C-alpha atoms as a PDB file:
ATOM      1  CA  MET A   1      -0.081   0.095   0.070  1.00  0.00           C
ATOM      2  CA  ALA A   2       2.631   2.434   0.653  1.00  0.00           C
ATOM      3  CA  HIS A   3       4.532   1.659  -2.624  1.00  0.00           C
ATOM      4  CA  THR A   4       0.810   2.441  -4.169  1.00  0.00           C
ATOM      5  CA  SER A   5       0.576   5.612  -2.521  1.00  0.00           C
ATOM      6  CA  GLN A   6       4.146   7.141  -3.758  1.00  0.00           C
ATOM      7  CA  SER A   7       3.275   5.969  -7.096  1.00  0.00           C
ATOM      8  CA  LEU A   8      -0.045   7.960  -7.022  1.00  0.00           C
ATOM      9  CA  ARG A   9       1.711  10.867  -5.845  1.00  0.00           C
ATOM     10  CA  ARG A  10       4.473  10.852  -8.595  1.00  0.00           C
ATOM     11  CA  GLY A  11       1.468  10.671 -11.181  1.00  0.00           C
ATOM     12  CA  ALA A  12      -0.153  13.659  -9.273  1.00  0.00           C
ATOM     13  CA  ALA A  13       3.014  15.685  -9.439  1.00  0.00           C
ATOM     14  CA  LEU A  14       3.900  15.077 -13.250  1.00  0.00           C
ATOM     15  CA  LEU A  15       0.181  15.708 -14.430  1.00  0.00           C
ATOM     16  CA  ALA A  16       0.548  19.305 -12.201  1.00  0.00           C
ATOM     17  CA  SER A  17       3.779  19.942 -14.069  1.00  0.00           C
ATOM     18  CA  THR A  18       2.331  19.202 -17.859  1.00  0.00           C
ATOM     19  CA  VAL A  19      -0.605  21.225 -17.065  1.00  0.00           C
ATOM     20  CA  ALA A  20       1.670  24.383 -15.922  1.00  0.00           C
ATOM     21  CA  ALA A  21       3.537  23.917 -19.275  1.00  0.00           C
ATOM     22  CA  LEU A  22       0.601  23.861 -21.445  1.00  0.00           C
ATOM     23  CA  GLY A  23      -0.605  27.071 -19.778  1.00  0.00           C
ATOM     24  CA  LEU A  24       2.551  28.771 -20.383  1.00  0.00           C
ATOM     25  CA  LEU A  25       2.588  27.860 -24.116  1.00  0.00           C
ATOM     26  CA  THR A  26      -0.935  29.341 -24.536  1.00  0.00           C
ATOM     27  CA  ALA A  27       0.218  32.425 -22.881  1.00  0.00           C
ATOM     28  CA  CYS A  28       3.468  32.953 -25.262  1.00  0.00           C
ATOM     29  CA  GLY A  29       1.033  32.388 -28.632  1.00  0.00           C
ATOM     30  CA  ASN A  30      -2.501  34.091 -28.079  1.00  0.00           C
ATOM     31  CA  ASP A  31      -3.234  35.075 -31.297  1.00  0.00           C
ATOM     32  CA  SER A  32      -6.997  34.225 -30.714  1.00  0.00           C
ATOM     33  CA  PRO A  33      -9.643  35.713 -32.759  1.00  0.00           C
ATOM     34  CA  GLY A  34     -11.496  38.636 -30.924  1.00  0.00           C
ATOM     35  CA  LYS A  35      -8.405  40.066 -29.315  1.00  0.00           C
ATOM     36  CA  SER A  36      -7.308  43.635 -30.277  1.00  0.00           C
ATOM     37  CA  PRO A  37      -3.794  44.421 -31.743  1.00  0.00           C
ATOM     38  CA  GLU A  38      -1.633  45.986 -29.710  1.00  0.00           C
ATOM     39  CA  SER A  39      -1.102  49.997 -30.757  1.00  0.00           C
ATOM     40  CA  VAL A  40       2.446  51.439 -31.737  1.00  0.00           C
ATOM     41  CA  SER A  41       3.070  55.030 -31.345  1.00  0.00           C
ATOM     42  CA  GLY A  42       4.670  57.086 -33.954  1.00  0.00           C
ATOM     43  CA  THR A  43       3.631  59.093 -37.247  1.00  0.00           C
ATOM     44  CA  ALA A  44       3.368  57.538 -40.860  1.00  0.00           C
ATOM     45  CA  ALA A  45       4.921  59.339 -43.885  1.00  0.00           C
ATOM     46  CA  PRO A  46       2.584  60.637 -46.839  1.00  0.00           C
ATOM     47  CA  ALA A  47       2.190  58.084 -49.203  1.00  0.00           C
ATOM     48  CA  THR A  48       4.208  59.320 -52.948  1.00  0.00           C
ATOM     49  CA  GLY A  49       4.250  58.551 -56.432  1.00  0.00           C
ATOM     50  CA  ASP A  50       1.114  57.593 -58.536  1.00  0.00           C
ATOM     51  CA  SER A  51      -0.869  55.230 -57.236  1.00  0.00           C
ATOM     52  CA  ALA A  52      -3.068  53.324 -59.243  1.00  0.00           C
ATOM     53  CA  GLY A  53      -6.699  54.792 -59.126  1.00  0.00           C
ATOM     54  CA  SER A  54      -5.639  58.246 -57.986  1.00  0.00           C
ATOM     55  CA  SER A  55      -6.438  61.765 -59.653  1.00  0.00           C
ATOM     56  CA  ALA A  56      -5.880  65.113 -59.811  1.00  0.00           C
ATOM     57  CA  SER A  57      -8.984  65.916 -58.140  1.00  0.00           C
ATOM     58  CA  ASP A  58      -7.822  63.360 -55.285  1.00  0.00           C
ATOM     59  CA  THR A  59      -4.462  64.759 -54.399  1.00  0.00           C
ATOM     60  CA  GLY A  60      -5.356  68.798 -55.546  1.00  0.00           C
ATOM     61  CA  ALA A  61      -3.132  69.186 -58.401  1.00  0.00           C
ATOM     62  CA  ALA A  62      -3.892  70.636 -61.576  1.00  0.00           C
ATOM     63  CA  PRO A  63      -4.120  68.027 -64.644  1.00  0.00           C
ATOM     64  CA  SER A  64      -1.273  68.334 -66.923  1.00  0.00           C
ATOM     65  CA  GLY A  65      -1.497  70.519 -70.091  1.00  0.00           C
ATOM     66  CA  THR A  66      -3.746  73.077 -68.433  1.00  0.00           C
ATOM     67  CA  ALA A  67      -0.757  75.895 -67.973  1.00  0.00           C
ATOM     68  CA  SER A  68      -1.576  79.301 -69.801  1.00  0.00           C
ATOM     69  CA  SER A  69       0.640  80.661 -72.268  1.00  0.00           C
ATOM     70  CA  SER A  70       2.394  83.731 -71.557  1.00  0.00           C
ATOM     71  CA  ALA A  71       3.679  84.413 -75.477  1.00  0.00           C
ATOM     72  CA  SER A  72       2.242  87.634 -76.827  1.00  0.00           C
ATOM     73  CA  ARG A  73       0.091  87.104 -79.971  1.00  0.00           C
ATOM     74  CA  SER A  74       0.888  88.061 -83.365  1.00  0.00           C
ATOM     75  CA  THR A  75      -0.942  91.325 -84.614  1.00  0.00           C
ATOM     76  CA  GLY A  76      -0.853  90.586 -88.036  1.00  0.00           C
ATOM     77  CA  SER A  77       0.565  93.594 -88.890  1.00  0.00           C
ATOM     78  CA  THR A  78       4.257  94.776 -89.371  1.00  0.00           C
ATOM     79  CA  THR A  79       5.037  98.636 -89.082  1.00  0.00           C
ATOM     80  CA  GLY A  80       8.078  99.580 -91.095  1.00  0.00           C
ATOM     81  CA  GLY A  81      10.116 102.736 -90.944  1.00  0.00           C
ATOM     82  CA  GLY A  82       7.187 105.379 -92.119  1.00  0.00           C
ATOM     83  CA  SER A  83       8.597 107.734 -94.771  1.00  0.00           C
ATOM     84  CA  SER A  84       6.153 110.590 -95.706  1.00  0.00           C
ATOM     85  CA  THR A  85       6.452 112.602 -98.943  1.00  0.00           C
ATOM     86  CA  GLY A  86       3.677 114.889-100.020  1.00  0.00           C
ATOM     87  CA  GLY A  87       2.154 113.959 -96.928  1.00  0.00           C
ATOM     88  CA  GLY A  88       1.049 110.033 -97.023  1.00  0.00           C
ATOM     89  CA  THR A  89       2.906 107.867 -94.608  1.00  0.00           C
ATOM     90  CA  THR A  90       4.387 104.554 -96.399  1.00  0.00           C
ATOM     91  CA  THR A  91       4.278 101.408 -93.754  1.00  0.00           C
ATOM     92  CA  ALA A  92       5.126  97.801 -94.478  1.00  0.00           C
ATOM     93  CA  GLY A  93       2.434  95.143 -93.310  1.00  0.00           C
ATOM     94  CA  THR A  94      -0.937  93.789 -94.288  1.00  0.00           C
ATOM     95  CA  ALA A  95      -3.723  95.562 -96.078  1.00  0.00           C
ATOM     96  CA  SER A  96      -6.056  97.633 -93.542  1.00  0.00           C
ATOM     97  CA  SER A  97      -9.725  97.343 -93.092  1.00  0.00           C
ATOM     98  CA  ASN A  98      -9.771 101.120 -92.974  1.00  0.00           C
ATOM     99  CA  ARG A  99      -9.436 101.105 -96.971  1.00  0.00           C
ATOM    100  CA  CYS A 100      -9.854 104.744 -98.464  1.00  0.00           C
ATOM    101  CA  HIS A 101     -13.312 104.191-100.636  1.00  0.00           C
ATOM    102  CA  THR A 102     -13.760 105.856-103.850  1.00  0.00           C
ATOM    103  CA  SER A 103     -16.323 108.360-102.648  1.00  0.00           C
ATOM    104  CA  GLU A 104     -13.346 109.729 -99.955  1.00  0.00           C
ATOM    105  CA  LEU A 105     -10.986 110.530-103.099  1.00  0.00           C
ATOM    106  CA  THR A 106     -10.543 112.626-105.625  1.00  0.00           C
ATOM    107  CA  ALA A 107      -7.989 111.717-108.677  1.00  0.00           C
ATOM    108  CA  SER A 108      -5.629 113.467-111.098  1.00  0.00           C
ATOM    109  CA  VAL A 109      -2.648 112.820-113.187  1.00  0.00           C
ATOM    110  CA  GLY A 110       0.496 114.692-112.934  1.00  0.00           C
ATOM    111  CA  GLY A 111       2.630 115.939-115.885  1.00  0.00           C
ATOM    112  CA  ASN A 112       4.807 113.680-117.942  1.00  0.00           C
ATOM    113  CA  ASP A 113       8.199 112.905-116.902  1.00  0.00           C
ATOM    114  CA  PRO A 114       9.582 111.279-120.057  1.00  0.00           C
ATOM    115  CA  GLY A 115      13.056 109.431-120.210  1.00  0.00           C
ATOM    116  CA  ALA A 116      14.721 106.747-122.273  1.00  0.00           C
ATOM    117  CA  GLY A 117      11.875 106.390-125.077  1.00  0.00           C
ATOM    118  CA  GLN A 118       9.465 106.097-121.881  1.00  0.00           C
ATOM    119  CA  GLU A 119       6.409 108.239-120.940  1.00  0.00           C
ATOM    120  CA  ASN A 120       5.806 108.420-117.289  1.00  0.00           C
ATOM    121  CA  PHE A 121       2.728 109.785-115.650  1.00  0.00           C
ATOM    122  CA  PRO A 122       1.718 109.928-112.024  1.00  0.00           C
ATOM    123  CA  ILE A 123      -1.721 108.998-111.014  1.00  0.00           C
ATOM    124  CA  VAL A 124      -2.445 110.835-107.875  1.00  0.00           C
ATOM    125  CA  PHE A 125      -5.508 109.890-105.150  1.00  0.00           C
ATOM    126  CA  THR A 126      -6.146 112.381-102.584  1.00  0.00           C
ATOM    127  CA  ASN A 127      -8.162 111.999 -99.600  1.00  0.00           C
ATOM    128  CA  LYS A 128     -10.873 114.639 -99.536  1.00  0.00           C
ATOM    129  CA  SER A 129     -12.820 113.081 -96.631  1.00  0.00           C
ATOM    130  CA  GLY A 130     -12.447 114.005 -92.791  1.00  0.00           C
ATOM    131  CA  ARG A 131     -11.116 110.815 -91.813  1.00  0.00           C
ATOM    132  CA  THR A 132      -7.787 108.866 -92.167  1.00  0.00           C
ATOM    133  CA  CYS A 133      -7.759 106.148 -94.520  1.00  0.00           C
ATOM    134  CA  THR A 134      -5.411 103.931 -96.417  1.00  0.00           C
ATOM    135  CA  VAL A 135      -4.548 102.595 -99.792  1.00  0.00           C
ATOM    136  CA  ARG A 136      -2.276  99.396-100.778  1.00  0.00           C
ATOM    137  CA  GLY A 137      -1.194  97.588-103.887  1.00  0.00           C
ATOM    138  CA  PHE A 138      -2.193  98.646-107.615  1.00  0.00           C
ATOM    139  CA  PRO A 139      -4.913 100.863-108.609  1.00  0.00           C
ATOM    140  CA  GLY A 140      -6.958  99.885-111.870  1.00  0.00           C
ATOM    141  CA  ALA A 141      -6.773 102.214-115.133  1.00  0.00           C
ATOM    142  CA  ALA A 142      -8.269 102.233-118.512  1.00  0.00           C
ATOM    143  CA  PHE A 143      -8.274 104.711-121.315  1.00  0.00           C
ATOM    144  CA  VAL A 144     -11.652 105.751-122.616  1.00  0.00           C
ATOM    145  CA  ASN A 145     -12.962 107.775-125.709  1.00  0.00           C
ATOM    146  CA  ALA A 146     -15.814 110.193-125.575  1.00  0.00           C
ATOM    147  CA  ALA A 147     -18.375 107.870-125.644  1.00  0.00           C
ATOM    148  CA  GLY A 148     -16.692 106.127-122.661  1.00  0.00           C
ATOM    149  CA  THR A 149     -15.680 103.131-124.517  1.00  0.00           C
ATOM    150  CA  GLN A 150     -12.413 101.724-123.499  1.00  0.00           C
ATOM    151  CA  LEU A 151      -9.231 102.158-125.671  1.00  0.00           C
ATOM    152  CA  GLY A 152      -6.491  99.178-125.831  1.00  0.00           C
ATOM    153  CA  PRO A 153      -6.337  96.734-123.320  1.00  0.00           C
ATOM    154  CA  ASP A 154      -6.017  96.785-119.274  1.00  0.00           C
ATOM    155  CA  PRO A 155      -2.729  98.378-118.161  1.00  0.00           C
ATOM    156  CA  LYS A 156      -0.404  95.785-116.794  1.00  0.00           C
ATOM    157  CA  ARG A 157       1.060  95.339-113.225  1.00  0.00           C
ATOM    158  CA  GLU A 158       4.718  96.260-113.161  1.00  0.00           C
ATOM    159  CA  SER A 159       6.698  93.466-111.971  1.00  0.00           C
ATOM    160  CA  GLY A 160       8.989  93.716-108.830  1.00  0.00           C
ATOM    161  CA  SER A 161       6.658  95.995-107.189  1.00  0.00           C
ATOM    162  CA  THR A 162       5.815  95.466-103.818  1.00  0.00           C
ATOM    163  CA  PRO A 163       2.677  96.561-102.136  1.00  0.00           C
ATOM    164  CA  ALA A 164       3.162  98.701 -99.086  1.00  0.00           C
ATOM    165  CA  THR A 165      -0.105 100.464 -96.964  1.00  0.00           C
ATOM    166  CA  VAL A 166      -0.190 104.242 -97.624  1.00  0.00           C
ATOM    167  CA  THR A 167      -1.703 105.871 -94.629  1.00  0.00           C
ATOM    168  CA  LEU A 168      -3.871 109.247 -95.598  1.00  0.00           C
ATOM    169  CA  LYS A 169      -4.529 111.632 -93.416  1.00  0.00           C
ATOM    170  CA  PRO A 170      -7.499 114.269 -94.941  1.00  0.00           C
ATOM    171  CA  GLY A 171      -5.684 116.065 -97.777  1.00  0.00           C
ATOM    172  CA  GLN A 172      -2.727 113.660 -98.044  1.00  0.00           C
ATOM    173  CA  SER A 173      -1.704 112.176-101.324  1.00  0.00           C
ATOM    174  CA  ALA A 174      -0.435 108.667-102.944  1.00  0.00           C
ATOM    175  CA  TRP A 175       0.640 107.920-106.486  1.00  0.00           C
ATOM    176  CA  ALA A 176       1.092 105.000-108.923  1.00  0.00           C
ATOM    177  CA  GLY A 177       3.454 105.381-111.989  1.00  0.00           C
ATOM    178  CA  LEU A 178       1.350 104.798-115.791  1.00  0.00           C
ATOM    179  CA  THR A 179       4.069 104.373-118.328  1.00  0.00           C
ATOM    180  CA  PHE A 180       4.181 103.297-121.514  1.00  0.00           C
ATOM    181  CA  SER A 181       6.768 103.633-124.601  1.00  0.00           C
ATOM    182  CA  ASN A 182       6.728 106.403-126.694  1.00  0.00           C
ATOM    183  CA  PRO A 183       4.519 105.534-129.703  1.00  0.00           C
ATOM    184  CA  GLU A 184       6.828 107.165-132.165  1.00  0.00           C
ATOM    185  CA  VAL A 185       9.503 105.093-131.302  1.00  0.00           C
ATOM    186  CA  SER A 186       8.025 101.611-130.710  1.00  0.00           C
ATOM    187  CA  GLY A 187       5.732 102.158-133.759  1.00  0.00           C
ATOM    188  CA  ALA A 188       2.554 101.056-131.881  1.00  0.00           C
ATOM    189  CA  LYS A 189      -0.843 102.170-133.107  1.00  0.00           C
ATOM    190  CA  THR A 190      -2.092 104.947-131.421  1.00  0.00           C
ATOM    191  CA  ALA A 191      -5.227 106.668-130.093  1.00  0.00           C
ATOM    192  CA  THR A 192      -5.930 110.066-128.396  1.00  0.00           C
ATOM    193  CA  PRO A 193      -8.143 109.118-125.052  1.00  0.00           C
ATOM    194  CA  ALA A 194     -10.934 111.518-123.726  1.00  0.00           C
ATOM    195  CA  ALA A 195     -10.023 110.470-120.460  1.00  0.00           C
ATOM    196  CA  LEU A 196      -8.168 108.126-118.078  1.00  0.00           C
ATOM    197  CA  GLU A 197     -10.664 106.325-115.703  1.00  0.00           C
ATOM    198  CA  VAL A 198      -8.697 105.350-112.442  1.00  0.00           C
ATOM    199  CA  THR A 199     -10.050 103.028-109.784  1.00  0.00           C
ATOM    200  CA  PRO A 200      -8.648 102.737-106.139  1.00  0.00           C
ATOM    201  CA  PRO A 201      -7.235  99.355-105.084  1.00  0.00           C
ATOM    202  CA  ASP A 202     -10.174  97.052-103.975  1.00  0.00           C
ATOM    203  CA  GLU A 203     -12.858  99.203-104.746  1.00  0.00           C
ATOM    204  CA  ARG A 204     -15.537  98.738-107.688  1.00  0.00           C
ATOM    205  CA  ASP A 205     -16.299 102.618-108.424  1.00  0.00           C
ATOM    206  CA  SER A 206     -13.646 104.564-110.648  1.00  0.00           C
ATOM    207  CA  LEU A 207     -13.118 108.383-111.049  1.00  0.00           C
ATOM    208  CA  LYS A 208     -12.582 109.800-114.448  1.00  0.00           C
ATOM    209  CA  VAL A 209      -9.560 112.224-114.958  1.00  0.00           C
ATOM    210  CA  THR A 210      -9.806 114.334-118.495  1.00  0.00           C
ATOM    211  CA  TRP A 211      -6.374 112.997-120.200  1.00  0.00           C
ATOM    212  CA  LYS A 212      -4.215 115.906-121.645  1.00  0.00           C
ATOM    213  CA  GLY A 213      -1.102 113.577-122.139  1.00  0.00           C
ATOM    214  CA  GLY A 214      -1.799 112.969-126.014  1.00  0.00           C
ATOM    215  CA  THR A 215      -1.153 110.084-127.586  1.00  0.00           C
ATOM    216  CA  VAL A 216      -1.223 106.335-126.200  1.00  0.00           C
ATOM    217  CA  PRO A 217      -0.486 103.078-127.870  1.00  0.00           C
ATOM    218  CA  VAL A 218      -3.421 100.846-128.170  1.00  0.00           C
ATOM    219  CA  SER A 219      -2.357  98.150-130.135  1.00  0.00           C
ATOM    220  CA  GLY A 220       0.478  96.499-131.945  1.00  0.00           C
ATOM    221  CA  ASN A 221       4.167  96.094-130.815  1.00  0.00           C
ATOM    222  CA  SER A 222       5.173  97.505-127.783  1.00  0.00           C
ATOM    223  CA  SER A 223       1.832  98.586-126.777  1.00  0.00           C
ATOM    224  CA  SER A 224       1.865  97.818-123.287  1.00  0.00           C
ATOM    225  CA  VAL A 225       0.998 100.255-120.633  1.00  0.00           C
ATOM    226  CA  ARG A 226       2.474  99.460-117.050  1.00  0.00           C
ATOM    227  CA  LEU A 227       0.968 100.496-113.683  1.00  0.00           C
ATOM    228  CA  THR A 228       3.329 100.536-110.411  1.00  0.00           C
ATOM    229  CA  VAL A 229       2.234 100.091-106.972  1.00  0.00           C
ATOM    230  CA  LEU A 230       0.774 102.995-104.938  1.00  0.00           C
ATOM    231  CA  ASN A 231       3.214 105.085-102.895  1.00  0.00           C
ATOM    232  CA  ALA A 232       2.900 108.038-100.404  1.00  0.00           C
ATOM    233  CA  GLY A 233       3.035 111.587-102.238  1.00  0.00           C
ATOM    234  CA  THR A 234       2.175 113.070-105.458  1.00  0.00           C
ATOM    235  CA  GLY A 235       5.192 111.723-107.733  1.00  0.00           C
ATOM    236  CA  VAL A 236       6.721 114.925-108.241  1.00  0.00           C
END
């Protein structure tokens, strides 16, 4: 009986030791569901980079391509050195929308300035209106008889002429050259016009000027009449 009692005591001690060991293991690995994780103090840095799903509105950044340009716009008009002869001012650039209309101009033909077998007459437009306006380019012209019938073909435009905008204040003038070979030298057929009809650039209505320059070529060899672009002044 003594031996049995001692065996029982040893068994009880072994059981108690086993239970204690199991309890220690449970405490060290307690990840059982339902228990809150331990919190750690500190501050997280903000995320950087292009995270998937982010947009400009999420970050407050402006979308790319929306920056405004500070480049100056071109006006489409280049002003050159203005030269004035007889009042009008010539500038480089494009045609002005403030052009002179036929009703605002008077026309005249200046005296002949012959040279090297050529006859040279200035066609002069003068601003009679009360406003400043512009002319640019070639005028139109045609010799006519007393009945108003045109004599000869339309004048040709002088090659190499560079148009420029001529600004005319009230009373100022612009001129274009009307040139042709002397008929006595060229042998062209001639006629004596009653008038020269001239038309300002970009206009349809013409002005009639009495022609006092004598005979002009109307057909045959060297019968071409030529016009230059308008320039500031009266051509004198």
